C-alpha atoms as a PDB file:
ATOM      1  CA  MET A   1      45.873 -47.961   9.433  1.00  0.00           C
ATOM      2  CA  LYS A   2      49.059 -46.398  10.779  1.00  0.00           C
ATOM      3  CA  LEU A   3      49.235 -45.427  14.443  1.00  0.00           C
ATOM      4  CA  ALA A   4      49.738 -41.767  13.492  1.00  0.00           C
ATOM      5  CA  GLU A   5      46.527 -41.829  11.446  1.00  0.00           C
ATOM      6  CA  ALA A   6      44.627 -43.311  14.386  1.00  0.00           C
ATOM      7  CA  LEU A   7      46.003 -40.591  16.660  1.00  0.00           C
ATOM      8  CA  GLN A   8      44.880 -37.909  14.209  1.00  0.00           C
ATOM      9  CA  GLU A   9      41.436 -39.464  13.862  1.00  0.00           C
ATOM     10  CA  ARG A  10      41.086 -39.698  17.654  1.00  0.00           C
ATOM     11  CA  ALA A  11      41.963 -35.999  17.984  1.00  0.00           C
ATOM     12  CA  ASP A  12      39.410 -35.118  15.292  1.00  0.00           C
ATOM     13  CA  LEU A  13      36.780 -37.207  17.087  1.00  0.00           C
ATOM     14  CA  VAL A  14      37.362 -35.322  20.341  1.00  0.00           C
ATOM     15  CA  LYS A  15      36.773 -32.015  18.528  1.00  0.00           C
ATOM     16  CA  ASN A  16      33.722 -33.371  16.699  1.00  0.00           C
ATOM     17  CA  ILE A  17      32.193 -34.784  19.900  1.00  0.00           C
ATOM     18  CA  GLU A  18      32.558 -31.380  21.554  1.00  0.00           C
ATOM     19  CA  ARG A  19      30.905 -29.657  18.574  1.00  0.00           C
ATOM     20  CA  LEU A  20      28.052 -32.171  18.640  1.00  0.00           C
ATOM     21  CA  ARG A  21      27.592 -31.656  22.394  1.00  0.00           C
ATOM     22  CA  SER A  22      27.303 -27.933  21.770  1.00  0.00           C
ATOM     23  CA  ARG A  23      24.799 -28.455  18.959  1.00  0.00           C
ATOM     24  CA  VAL A  24      22.698 -30.761  21.172  1.00  0.00           C
ATOM     25  CA  ARG A  25      22.720 -28.102  23.927  1.00  0.00           C
ATOM     26  CA  ASN A  26      21.718 -25.426  21.405  1.00  0.00           C
ATOM     27  CA  ASN A  27      18.730 -27.524  20.368  1.00  0.00           C
ATOM     28  CA  ALA A  28      17.725 -28.804  23.807  1.00  0.00           C
ATOM     29  CA  GLN A  29      14.937 -26.264  24.254  1.00  0.00           C
ATOM     30  CA  VAL A  30      12.643 -24.355  21.943  1.00  0.00           C
ATOM     31  CA  GLN A  31       9.803 -21.969  22.400  1.00  0.00           C
ATOM     32  CA  GLU A  32       6.411 -23.624  22.531  1.00  0.00           C
ATOM     33  CA  GLY A  33       5.119 -24.178  19.010  1.00  0.00           C
ATOM     34  CA  GLU A  34       8.604 -23.914  17.454  1.00  0.00           C
ATOM     35  CA  LYS A  35      10.905 -26.635  16.146  1.00  0.00           C
ATOM     36  CA  PRO A  36      14.620 -26.929  16.899  1.00  0.00           C
ATOM     37  CA  ALA A  37      17.053 -25.947  14.147  1.00  0.00           C
ATOM     38  CA  GLU A  38      18.436 -29.510  14.253  1.00  0.00           C
ATOM     39  CA  ASN A  39      16.948 -32.761  15.497  1.00  0.00           C
ATOM     40  CA  PRO A  40      18.631 -33.389  18.877  1.00  0.00           C
ATOM     41  CA  LEU A  41      17.977 -37.144  18.649  1.00  0.00           C
ATOM     42  CA  GLU A  42      19.883 -37.323  15.369  1.00  0.00           C
ATOM     43  CA  LEU A  43      22.697 -35.254  16.864  1.00  0.00           C
ATOM     44  CA  ILE A  44      22.853 -37.567  19.890  1.00  0.00           C
ATOM     45  CA  LYS A  45      22.928 -40.589  17.583  1.00  0.00           C
ATOM     46  CA  GLU A  46      25.816 -39.047  15.608  1.00  0.00           C
ATOM     47  CA  MET A  47      27.612 -38.126  18.843  1.00  0.00           C
ATOM     48  CA  ASN A  48      27.225 -41.671  20.189  1.00  0.00           C
ATOM     49  CA  GLY A  49      28.721 -43.045  16.974  1.00  0.00           C
ATOM     50  CA  CYS A  50      31.714 -40.739  17.401  1.00  0.00           C
ATOM     51  CA  ILE A  51      32.086 -41.762  21.049  1.00  0.00           C
ATOM     52  CA  ASP A  52      31.972 -45.448  20.085  1.00  0.00           C
ATOM     53  CA  ARG A  53      34.663 -44.876  17.447  1.00  0.00           C
ATOM     54  CA  PHE A  54      36.732 -42.895  19.970  1.00  0.00           C
ATOM     55  CA  GLU A  55      36.499 -45.777  22.459  1.00  0.00           C
ATOM     56  CA  TYR A  56      37.598 -48.272  19.815  1.00  0.00           C
ATOM     57  CA  LEU A  57      40.533 -46.160  18.648  1.00  0.00           C
ATOM     58  CA  ALA A  58      41.657 -45.317  22.190  1.00  0.00           C
ATOM     59  CA  GLY A  59      41.779 -49.016  23.040  1.00  0.00           C
ATOM     60  CA  ARG A  60      43.688 -49.903  19.859  1.00  0.00           C
ATOM     61  CA  ILE A  61      46.099 -46.992  20.336  1.00  0.00           C
ATOM     62  CA  ASN A  62      46.777 -48.002  23.948  1.00  0.00           C
ATOM     63  CA  LYS A  63      47.313 -51.629  22.925  1.00  0.00           C
ATOM     64  CA  THR A  64      49.662 -50.581  20.129  1.00  0.00           C
ATOM     65  CA  ASN A  65      51.566 -48.238  22.454  1.00  0.00           C
ATOM     66  CA  ASN A  66      51.991 -51.020  25.007  1.00  0.00           C
ATOM     67  CA  GLU A  67      53.230 -53.555  22.449  1.00  0.00           C
ATOM     68  CA  THR A  68      55.450 -51.415  20.215  1.00  0.00           C
ATOM     69  CA  MET A  69      59.069 -50.919  21.199  1.00  0.00           C
ATOM     70  CA  ILE A  70      61.319 -47.921  20.601  1.00  0.00           C
ATOM     71  CA  GLY A  71      64.719 -49.217  21.545  1.00  0.00           C
ATOM     72  CA  ASP A  72      64.292 -50.946  24.891  1.00  0.00           C
ATOM     73  CA  MET A  73      61.102 -49.104  25.908  1.00  0.00           C
ATOM     74  CA  THR A  74      57.480 -49.331  24.818  1.00  0.00           C
ATOM     75  CA  ILE A  75      55.841 -46.307  23.240  1.00  0.00           C
ATOM     76  CA  THR A  76      53.889 -45.889  26.489  1.00  0.00           C
ATOM     77  CA  GLU A  77      57.144 -45.715  28.459  1.00  0.00           C
ATOM     78  CA  VAL A  78      58.666 -43.247  25.985  1.00  0.00           C
ATOM     79  CA  ILE A  79      55.581 -41.013  26.265  1.00  0.00           C
ATOM     80  CA  ALA A  80      55.800 -41.148  30.071  1.00  0.00           C
ATOM     81  CA  LYS A  81      59.501 -40.277  29.951  1.00  0.00           C
ATOM     82  CA  LYS A  82      58.862 -37.402  27.541  1.00  0.00           C
ATOM     83  CA  ASP A  83      56.036 -36.045  29.725  1.00  0.00           C
ATOM     84  CA  ALA A  84      58.244 -36.211  32.830  1.00  0.00           C
ATOM     85  CA  LEU A  85      61.071 -34.411  31.015  1.00  0.00           C
ATOM     86  CA  ILE A  86      58.660 -31.688  29.873  1.00  0.00           C
ATOM     87  CA  ILE A  87      57.582 -31.129  33.482  1.00  0.00           C
ATOM     88  CA  LYS A  88      61.210 -31.072  34.651  1.00  0.00           C
ATOM     89  CA  ALA A  89      62.320 -28.675  31.906  1.00  0.00           C
ATOM     90  CA  SER A  90      59.408 -26.370  32.667  1.00  0.00           C
ATOM     91  CA  ALA A  91      60.270 -26.280  36.366  1.00  0.00           C
ATOM     92  CA  TYR A  92      63.935 -25.614  35.567  1.00  0.00           C
ATOM     93  CA  ARG A  93      62.950 -22.809  33.176  1.00  0.00           C
ATOM     94  CA  ASP A  94      60.956 -21.236  36.014  1.00  0.00           C
ATOM     95  CA  PHE A  95      64.012 -21.504  38.283  1.00  0.00           C
ATOM     96  CA  VAL A  96      66.221 -19.911  35.617  1.00  0.00           C
ATOM     97  CA  TYR A  97      63.711 -17.108  35.108  1.00  0.00           C
ATOM     98  CA  GLU A  98      63.425 -16.366  38.830  1.00  0.00           C
ATOM     99  CA  SER A  99      67.172 -16.621  39.386  1.00  0.00           C
ATOM    100  CA  SER A 100      67.860 -14.321  36.439  1.00  0.00           C
ATOM    101  CA  SER A 101      65.489 -11.596  37.588  1.00  0.00           C
ATOM    102  CA  ILE A 102      67.422  -8.462  38.417  1.00  0.00           C
ATOM    103  CA  THR A 103      66.375  -6.641  41.537  1.00  0.00           C
ATOM    104  CA  GLY A 104      67.373  -3.006  41.428  1.00  0.00           C
ATOM    105  CA  ARG A 105      68.748  -0.995  44.310  1.00  0.00           C
ATOM    106  CA  ALA A 106      68.358   2.742  44.628  1.00  0.00           C
ATOM    107  CA  ARG A 107      71.346   3.080  46.962  1.00  0.00           C
ATOM    108  CA  GLY A 108      74.324   0.894  47.751  1.00  0.00           C
ATOM    109  CA  THR A 109      73.128   0.485  51.362  1.00  0.00           C
ATOM    110  CA  GLU A 110      69.953  -1.336  50.389  1.00  0.00           C
ATOM    111  CA  ILE A 111      69.660  -5.113  50.654  1.00  0.00           C
ATOM    112  CA  LYS A 112      71.206  -6.900  47.700  1.00  0.00           C
ATOM    113  CA  ILE A 113      69.253  -9.840  46.281  1.00  0.00           C
ATOM    114  CA  LEU A 114      71.340 -12.695  44.873  1.00  0.00           C
ATOM    115  CA  PRO A 115      70.359 -15.860  43.037  1.00  0.00           C
ATOM    116  CA  THR A 116      70.595 -19.076  45.048  1.00  0.00           C
ATOM    117  CA  LEU A 117      71.187 -21.140  41.927  1.00  0.00           C
ATOM    118  CA  LYS A 118      73.914 -21.016  39.313  1.00  0.00           C
ATOM    119  CA  VAL A 119      71.910 -19.791  36.332  1.00  0.00           C
ATOM    120  CA  VAL A 120      74.413 -20.800  33.634  1.00  0.00           C
ATOM    121  CA  ASP A 121      74.510 -24.419  34.802  1.00  0.00           C
ATOM    122  CA  LEU A 122      70.752 -24.584  35.162  1.00  0.00           C
ATOM    123  CA  GLN A 123      70.252 -23.124  31.674  1.00  0.00           C
ATOM    124  CA  LYS A 124      72.600 -25.756  30.257  1.00  0.00           C
ATOM    125  CA  GLU A 125      70.459 -28.428  31.921  1.00  0.00           C
ATOM    126  CA  VAL A 126      67.294 -26.882  30.434  1.00  0.00           C
ATOM    127  CA  ASP A 127      68.939 -26.958  26.998  1.00  0.00           C
ATOM    128  CA  ARG A 128      69.981 -30.599  27.487  1.00  0.00           C
ATOM    129  CA  LEU A 129      66.467 -31.574  28.591  1.00  0.00           C
ATOM    130  CA  SER A 130      64.927 -29.733  25.634  1.00  0.00           C
ATOM    131  CA  LYS A 131      67.194 -31.603  23.239  1.00  0.00           C
ATOM    132  CA  GLU A 132      66.266 -34.943  24.834  1.00  0.00           C
ATOM    133  CA  ILE A 133      62.561 -34.072  24.569  1.00  0.00           C
ATOM    134  CA  ARG A 134      62.989 -33.253  20.855  1.00  0.00           C
ATOM    135  CA  LYS A 135      64.804 -36.547  20.232  1.00  0.00           C
ATOM    136  CA  LEU A 136      62.085 -38.533  22.027  1.00  0.00           C
ATOM    137  CA  ASP A 137      59.377 -36.682  20.128  1.00  0.00           C
ATOM    138  CA  ASN A 138      61.120 -37.346  16.801  1.00  0.00           C
ATOM    139  CA  SER A 139      61.386 -41.053  17.666  1.00  0.00           C
ATOM    140  CA  LEU A 140      57.713 -41.145  18.610  1.00  0.00           C
ATOM    141  CA  GLN A 141      56.637 -39.407  15.412  1.00  0.00           C
ATOM    142  CA  ALA A 142      58.726 -41.706  13.218  1.00  0.00           C
ATOM    143  CA  THR A 143      57.437 -44.772  15.042  1.00  0.00           C
ATOM    144  CA  ASN A 144      53.830 -43.575  14.808  1.00  0.00           C
ATOM    145  CA  TRP A 145      54.108 -43.246  11.023  1.00  0.00           C
ATOM    146  CA  ASN A 146      55.819 -46.622  10.625  1.00  0.00           C
ATOM    147  CA  THR A 147      53.663 -48.698  12.980  1.00  0.00           C
ATOM    148  CA  GLU A 148      50.440 -50.396  12.049  1.00  0.00           C
ATOM    149  CA  LEU A 149      47.628 -50.000  14.557  1.00  0.00           C
ATOM    150  CA  VAL A 150      47.101 -53.258  16.461  1.00  0.00           C
ATOM    151  CA  GLU A 151      43.582 -54.406  15.611  1.00  0.00           C
ATOM    152  CA  ASP A 152      42.146 -57.641  16.953  1.00  0.00           C
END
């Protein structure tokens, strides 16, 4: 199984576990003399199977990410770098937005509000970060589709 397939299956399992939890809740109580629409014990059994599979895949994915290299970094390190760059780019975008906001004045004697940051330079940095994030994401995607899941 390719790493990308395991990642997709793990995501599907998360959604399925949540649906099963909801179905168990919906069948947790019934009016006296009535039967639930679905057997909650069977739902719990199915949910536990999904949770067991999720645990297995999560472990294999983590092991694969820690052992597979993209250049001179592991997949885990590339993901961490990408996440940090996303946070940085988001913060810089906020700065650009706030610095670019125009504050109107009714008369020339009113207080003039000026940006404290050079918006053009900051926007260039946001663009550079966005490009780096895209490159990292492309490398991750390619690696995920070309890497076999490490299974013991």
